[in-house]
Amino acid sequence: MSATTTCTGRDAEDPLVAIAARVGFTLVTGVPDSPLSEFASALSALAPARPGGLDYVPGTREDSCLAVAAGEALAGGRPLVFMKSAGFGNCLDVLTSLVQVYSIPVVLLVSWAGHAGRDVPHHNVIGEPLQALCDAVGLPTRVAALDDAADLELQLMAAAEAAARTSGPVAVLGIPAGL
């Protein structure tokens, strides 16, 4: 993990940064993939230390990002963790042995490579069963197209509200454009 960057979302070029700020996330952390690379770049480009904004902690492993988000939630914040679908496998232990066991409200935004088997073979291996994997570990999910800003905002807001209401994690499975 590197230094924290803070932003308000007002000056972000990527619409997802502004959406995250409007939804009320206090911290964003994650490991980008191609569909979320502009989001990560926009977060990284914002000036640090703006009070009352959205903190960004870039990550290199999804499990570490989820642990950071758990700390933010326990401190009273509203965290968002973004990752690629293959990274979901990396965070299963932290998800099931920390976040779920201790009822920590965290929202995951998972870029769903391999959705419905309509991607390259190595994405399809985890992409096709991703919904079933979430179901198997009792992780509630919502689905949105990553290129539909209005629906993505609606699903992230609903996930954040559900996470707060249930004191547990909720994932938004984001379908990349073209899938």
C-alpha atoms as a PDB file:
ATOM      1  CA  MET A   1       0.000   0.000   0.000  1.00  0.00           C
ATOM      2  CA  SER A   2       1.182   3.518  -0.675  1.00  0.00           C
ATOM      3  CA  ALA A   3       0.217   6.951   0.556  1.00  0.00           C
ATOM      4  CA  THR A   4      -3.399   7.998   0.824  1.00  0.00           C
ATOM      5  CA  THR A   5      -4.867  10.399  -1.731  1.00  0.00           C
ATOM      6  CA  THR A   6      -7.979  12.400  -0.895  1.00  0.00           C
ATOM      7  CA  CYS A   7     -10.467  13.831  -3.372  1.00  0.00           C
ATOM      8  CA  THR A   8     -13.943  15.258  -3.433  1.00  0.00           C
ATOM      9  CA  GLY A   9     -14.933  13.775  -6.790  1.00  0.00           C
ATOM     10  CA  ARG A  10     -15.820  17.218  -8.153  1.00  0.00           C
ATOM     11  CA  ASP A  11     -12.720  17.495 -10.269  1.00  0.00           C
ATOM     12  CA  ALA A  12     -12.355  13.889 -11.342  1.00  0.00           C
ATOM     13  CA  GLU A  13     -12.396  13.113 -15.038  1.00  0.00           C
ATOM     14  CA  ASP A  14     -13.524   9.527 -14.573  1.00  0.00           C
ATOM     15  CA  PRO A  15     -17.258   9.413 -13.792  1.00  0.00           C
ATOM     16  CA  LEU A  16     -16.786   6.530 -11.351  1.00  0.00           C
ATOM     17  CA  VAL A  17     -14.765   8.788  -9.029  1.00  0.00           C
ATOM     18  CA  ALA A  18     -17.652  11.259  -8.871  1.00  0.00           C
ATOM     19  CA  ILE A  19     -20.105   8.390  -8.382  1.00  0.00           C
ATOM     20  CA  ALA A  20     -18.043   7.018  -5.475  1.00  0.00           C
ATOM     21  CA  ALA A  21     -18.059  10.453  -3.841  1.00  0.00           C
ATOM     22  CA  ARG A  22     -21.826  10.903  -4.348  1.00  0.00           C
ATOM     23  CA  VAL A  23     -22.571   7.441  -2.930  1.00  0.00           C
ATOM     24  CA  GLY A  24     -20.697   8.515   0.178  1.00  0.00           C
ATOM     25  CA  PHE A  25     -17.721   6.193   0.113  1.00  0.00           C
ATOM     26  CA  THR A  26     -15.013   7.508   2.401  1.00  0.00           C
ATOM     27  CA  LEU A  27     -12.211   5.273   1.165  1.00  0.00           C
ATOM     28  CA  VAL A  28     -11.531   3.512  -2.115  1.00  0.00           C
ATOM     29  CA  THR A  29      -8.866   0.864  -2.422  1.00  0.00           C
ATOM     30  CA  GLY A  30      -8.256  -1.806  -4.982  1.00  0.00           C
ATOM     31  CA  VAL A  31      -6.242  -3.487  -7.680  1.00  0.00           C
ATOM     32  CA  PRO A  32      -7.205  -2.251 -11.145  1.00  0.00           C
ATOM     33  CA  ASP A  33      -7.706  -4.237 -14.294  1.00  0.00           C
ATOM     34  CA  SER A  34      -8.295  -2.918 -17.804  1.00  0.00           C
ATOM     35  CA  PRO A  35     -11.970  -1.877 -17.366  1.00  0.00           C
ATOM     36  CA  LEU A  36     -11.171  -0.077 -14.097  1.00  0.00           C
ATOM     37  CA  SER A  37      -7.778   1.360 -15.088  1.00  0.00           C
ATOM     38  CA  GLU A  38      -9.168   4.839 -15.850  1.00  0.00           C
ATOM     39  CA  PHE A  39     -10.868   4.867 -12.440  1.00  0.00           C
ATOM     40  CA  ALA A  40      -7.583   3.995 -10.709  1.00  0.00           C
ATOM     41  CA  SER A  41      -5.655   6.544 -12.775  1.00  0.00           C
ATOM     42  CA  ALA A  42      -8.162   9.301 -11.981  1.00  0.00           C
ATOM     43  CA  LEU A  43      -7.991   8.485  -8.277  1.00  0.00           C
ATOM     44  CA  SER A  44      -4.182   8.499  -8.365  1.00  0.00           C
ATOM     45  CA  ALA A  45      -4.051  11.832 -10.212  1.00  0.00           C
ATOM     46  CA  LEU A  46      -6.064  13.765  -7.649  1.00  0.00           C
ATOM     47  CA  ALA A  47      -4.339  16.033  -5.185  1.00  0.00           C
ATOM     48  CA  PRO A  48      -3.941  14.608  -1.679  1.00  0.00           C
ATOM     49  CA  ALA A  49      -5.240  15.913   1.640  1.00  0.00           C
ATOM     50  CA  ARG A  50      -8.575  17.472   0.787  1.00  0.00           C
ATOM     51  CA  PRO A  51     -10.716  17.324   3.920  1.00  0.00           C
ATOM     52  CA  GLY A  52     -14.135  15.735   3.712  1.00  0.00           C
ATOM     53  CA  GLY A  53     -13.389  13.893   0.523  1.00  0.00           C
ATOM     54  CA  LEU A  54     -12.760  10.416  -0.719  1.00  0.00           C
ATOM     55  CA  ASP A  55      -9.503   8.768   0.364  1.00  0.00           C
ATOM     56  CA  TYR A  56      -7.694   6.476  -2.070  1.00  0.00           C
ATOM     57  CA  VAL A  57      -5.218   3.783  -1.085  1.00  0.00           C
ATOM     58  CA  PRO A  58      -3.838   1.940  -4.119  1.00  0.00           C
ATOM     59  CA  GLY A  59      -3.233  -1.732  -3.586  1.00  0.00           C
ATOM     60  CA  THR A  60      -1.282  -4.616  -5.027  1.00  0.00           C
ATOM     61  CA  ARG A  61      -3.319  -7.513  -3.600  1.00  0.00           C
ATOM     62  CA  GLU A  62      -7.054  -7.762  -3.194  1.00  0.00           C
ATOM     63  CA  ASP A  63      -6.868  -9.410   0.223  1.00  0.00           C
ATOM     64  CA  SER A  64      -4.784  -6.530   1.575  1.00  0.00           C
ATOM     65  CA  CYS A  65      -7.216  -4.016   0.092  1.00  0.00           C
ATOM     66  CA  LEU A  66     -10.143  -5.788   1.739  1.00  0.00           C
ATOM     67  CA  ALA A  67      -8.326  -5.739   5.092  1.00  0.00           C
ATOM     68  CA  VAL A  68      -7.692  -1.981   4.726  1.00  0.00           C
ATOM     69  CA  ALA A  69     -11.378  -1.500   3.882  1.00  0.00           C
ATOM     70  CA  ALA A  70     -12.385  -3.521   6.947  1.00  0.00           C
ATOM     71  CA  GLY A  71     -10.337  -1.159   9.087  1.00  0.00           C
ATOM     72  CA  GLU A  72     -12.024   1.840   7.477  1.00  0.00           C
ATOM     73  CA  ALA A  73     -15.464   0.356   8.144  1.00  0.00           C
ATOM     74  CA  LEU A  74     -14.590  -0.436  11.767  1.00  0.00           C
ATOM     75  CA  ALA A  75     -13.476   3.193  12.149  1.00  0.00           C
ATOM     76  CA  GLY A  76     -16.920   4.340  10.971  1.00  0.00           C
ATOM     77  CA  GLY A  77     -16.172   4.886   7.295  1.00  0.00           C
ATOM     78  CA  ARG A  78     -17.853   3.580   4.136  1.00  0.00           C
ATOM     79  CA  PRO A  79     -15.244   1.729   2.044  1.00  0.00           C
ATOM     80  CA  LEU A  80     -15.259   0.524  -1.557  1.00  0.00           C
ATOM     81  CA  VAL A  81     -12.856  -2.167  -2.792  1.00  0.00           C
ATOM     82  CA  PHE A  82     -12.419  -2.637  -6.547  1.00  0.00           C
ATOM     83  CA  MET A  83     -10.866  -5.635  -8.234  1.00  0.00           C
ATOM     84  CA  LYS A  84     -10.948  -7.885 -11.253  1.00  0.00           C
ATOM     85  CA  SER A  85     -12.889 -11.116 -11.100  1.00  0.00           C
ATOM     86  CA  ALA A  86      -9.689 -13.173 -10.839  1.00  0.00           C
ATOM     87  CA  GLY A  87      -8.770 -11.072  -7.787  1.00  0.00           C
ATOM     88  CA  PHE A  88     -11.936 -12.207  -6.058  1.00  0.00           C
ATOM     89  CA  GLY A  89     -10.215 -15.542  -5.447  1.00  0.00           C
ATOM     90  CA  ASN A  90      -7.312 -13.733  -3.772  1.00  0.00           C
ATOM     91  CA  CYS A  91      -9.569 -12.134  -1.175  1.00  0.00           C
ATOM     92  CA  LEU A  92     -11.766 -15.110  -0.222  1.00  0.00           C
ATOM     93  CA  ASP A  93      -9.923 -15.822   3.033  1.00  0.00           C
ATOM     94  CA  VAL A  94     -10.152 -12.219   4.279  1.00  0.00           C
ATOM     95  CA  LEU A  95     -13.762 -12.053   3.091  1.00  0.00           C
ATOM     96  CA  THR A  96     -14.885 -15.202   4.866  1.00  0.00           C
ATOM     97  CA  SER A  97     -12.671 -15.160   7.974  1.00  0.00           C
ATOM     98  CA  LEU A  98     -12.714 -11.434   8.752  1.00  0.00           C
ATOM     99  CA  VAL A  99     -15.327  -9.372   6.923  1.00  0.00           C
ATOM    100  CA  GLN A 100     -18.208 -11.853   7.110  1.00  0.00           C
ATOM    101  CA  VAL A 101     -17.401 -13.355  10.509  1.00  0.00           C
ATOM    102  CA  TYR A 102     -17.184  -9.928  12.158  1.00  0.00           C
ATOM    103  CA  SER A 103     -20.097  -8.421  10.183  1.00  0.00           C
ATOM    104  CA  ILE A 104     -18.105  -5.620   8.568  1.00  0.00           C
ATOM    105  CA  PRO A 105     -19.966  -3.522   5.956  1.00  0.00           C
ATOM    106  CA  VAL A 106     -17.786  -3.306   2.853  1.00  0.00           C
ATOM    107  CA  VAL A 107     -18.775  -2.871  -0.801  1.00  0.00           C
ATOM    108  CA  LEU A 108     -16.802  -4.716  -3.466  1.00  0.00           C
ATOM    109  CA  LEU A 109     -16.839  -3.628  -7.111  1.00  0.00           C
ATOM    110  CA  VAL A 110     -15.737  -6.635  -9.138  1.00  0.00           C
ATOM    111  CA  SER A 111     -14.993  -6.154 -12.830  1.00  0.00           C
ATOM    112  CA  TRP A 112     -16.636  -9.277 -14.191  1.00  0.00           C
ATOM    113  CA  ALA A 113     -14.265 -10.530 -16.885  1.00  0.00           C
ATOM    114  CA  GLY A 114     -15.625 -13.728 -18.345  1.00  0.00           C
ATOM    115  CA  HIS A 115     -19.251 -12.782 -17.711  1.00  0.00           C
ATOM    116  CA  ALA A 116     -21.458 -15.454 -19.283  1.00  0.00           C
ATOM    117  CA  GLY A 117     -18.388 -17.064 -20.853  1.00  0.00           C
ATOM    118  CA  ARG A 118     -18.050 -14.263 -23.401  1.00  0.00           C
ATOM    119  CA  ASP A 119     -14.381 -13.485 -22.930  1.00  0.00           C
ATOM    120  CA  VAL A 120     -10.968 -15.045 -23.432  1.00  0.00           C
ATOM    121  CA  PRO A 121     -10.597 -18.536 -21.966  1.00  0.00           C
ATOM    122  CA  HIS A 122      -8.498 -17.574 -18.931  1.00  0.00           C
ATOM    123  CA  HIS A 123     -11.116 -14.957 -17.921  1.00  0.00           C
ATOM    124  CA  ASN A 124     -13.957 -17.412 -18.386  1.00  0.00           C
ATOM    125  CA  VAL A 125     -12.488 -19.857 -15.850  1.00  0.00           C
ATOM    126  CA  ILE A 126     -13.474 -17.615 -12.931  1.00  0.00           C
ATOM    127  CA  GLY A 127     -15.907 -15.343 -14.764  1.00  0.00           C
ATOM    128  CA  GLU A 128     -18.471 -17.992 -15.611  1.00  0.00           C
ATOM    129  CA  PRO A 129     -18.856 -19.286 -12.021  1.00  0.00           C
ATOM    130  CA  LEU A 130     -18.361 -15.891 -10.278  1.00  0.00           C
ATOM    131  CA  GLN A 131     -22.013 -15.464  -9.313  1.00  0.00           C
ATOM    132  CA  ALA A 132     -22.119 -19.042  -8.022  1.00  0.00           C
ATOM    133  CA  LEU A 133     -18.915 -18.447  -6.025  1.00  0.00           C
ATOM    134  CA  CYS A 134     -20.473 -15.391  -4.406  1.00  0.00           C
ATOM    135  CA  ASP A 135     -23.616 -17.388  -3.646  1.00  0.00           C
ATOM    136  CA  ALA A 136     -21.552 -20.251  -2.195  1.00  0.00           C
ATOM    137  CA  VAL A 137     -19.914 -17.961   0.378  1.00  0.00           C
ATOM    138  CA  GLY A 138     -23.135 -16.083   1.119  1.00  0.00           C
ATOM    139  CA  LEU A 139     -22.029 -12.814  -0.470  1.00  0.00           C
ATOM    140  CA  PRO A 140     -25.017 -10.762  -1.687  1.00  0.00           C
ATOM    141  CA  THR A 141     -24.543  -9.351  -5.172  1.00  0.00           C
ATOM    142  CA  ARG A 142     -25.916  -6.731  -7.520  1.00  0.00           C
ATOM    143  CA  VAL A 143     -25.071  -6.481 -11.218  1.00  0.00           C
ATOM    144  CA  ALA A 144     -24.389  -3.395 -13.350  1.00  0.00           C
ATOM    145  CA  ALA A 145     -22.801  -2.584 -16.680  1.00  0.00           C
ATOM    146  CA  LEU A 146     -19.535  -0.728 -16.076  1.00  0.00           C
ATOM    147  CA  ASP A 147     -20.271   1.563 -19.018  1.00  0.00           C
ATOM    148  CA  ASP A 148     -23.734   2.583 -17.730  1.00  0.00           C
ATOM    149  CA  ALA A 149     -22.934   5.314 -15.189  1.00  0.00           C
ATOM    150  CA  ALA A 150     -26.535   5.764 -14.041  1.00  0.00           C
ATOM    151  CA  ASP A 151     -27.085   2.064 -13.352  1.00  0.00           C
ATOM    152  CA  LEU A 152     -23.652   1.680 -11.793  1.00  0.00           C
ATOM    153  CA  GLU A 153     -24.399   4.540  -9.402  1.00  0.00           C
ATOM    154  CA  LEU A 154     -27.789   3.031  -8.555  1.00  0.00           C
ATOM    155  CA  GLN A 155     -26.269  -0.402  -7.860  1.00  0.00           C
ATOM    156  CA  LEU A 156     -23.373   1.003  -5.809  1.00  0.00           C
ATOM    157  CA  MET A 157     -25.799   3.093  -3.744  1.00  0.00           C
ATOM    158  CA  ALA A 158     -28.042   0.071  -3.172  1.00  0.00           C
ATOM    159  CA  ALA A 159     -25.018  -2.061  -2.236  1.00  0.00           C
ATOM    160  CA  ALA A 160     -23.733   0.574   0.215  1.00  0.00           C
ATOM    161  CA  GLU A 161     -27.163   0.846   1.823  1.00  0.00           C
ATOM    162  CA  ALA A 162     -27.497  -2.945   2.034  1.00  0.00           C
ATOM    163  CA  ALA A 163     -24.005  -3.301   3.530  1.00  0.00           C
ATOM    164  CA  ALA A 164     -24.863  -0.714   6.187  1.00  0.00           C
ATOM    165  CA  ARG A 165     -28.289  -2.227   6.890  1.00  0.00           C
ATOM    166  CA  THR A 166     -27.038  -5.821   7.162  1.00  0.00           C
ATOM    167  CA  SER A 167     -23.599  -5.051   8.637  1.00  0.00           C
ATOM    168  CA  GLY A 168     -21.938  -7.187   6.020  1.00  0.00           C
ATOM    169  CA  PRO A 169     -20.260  -7.155   2.644  1.00  0.00           C
ATOM    170  CA  VAL A 170     -22.090  -6.724  -0.661  1.00  0.00           C
ATOM    171  CA  ALA A 171     -20.559  -7.047  -4.135  1.00  0.00           C
ATOM    172  CA  VAL A 172     -21.464  -5.219  -7.306  1.00  0.00           C
ATOM    173  CA  LEU A 173     -20.488  -7.366 -10.265  1.00  0.00           C
ATOM    174  CA  GLY A 174     -19.619  -4.933 -13.045  1.00  0.00           C
ATOM    175  CA  ILE A 175     -19.969  -6.195 -16.588  1.00  0.00           C
ATOM    176  CA  PRO A 176     -17.281  -4.640 -18.819  1.00  0.00           C
ATOM    177  CA  ALA A 177     -18.302  -3.028 -22.105  1.00  0.00           C
ATOM    178  CA  GLY A 178     -18.532  -5.525 -24.934  1.00  0.00           C
ATOM    179  CA  LEU A 179     -19.482  -8.483 -22.749  1.00  0.00           C
END
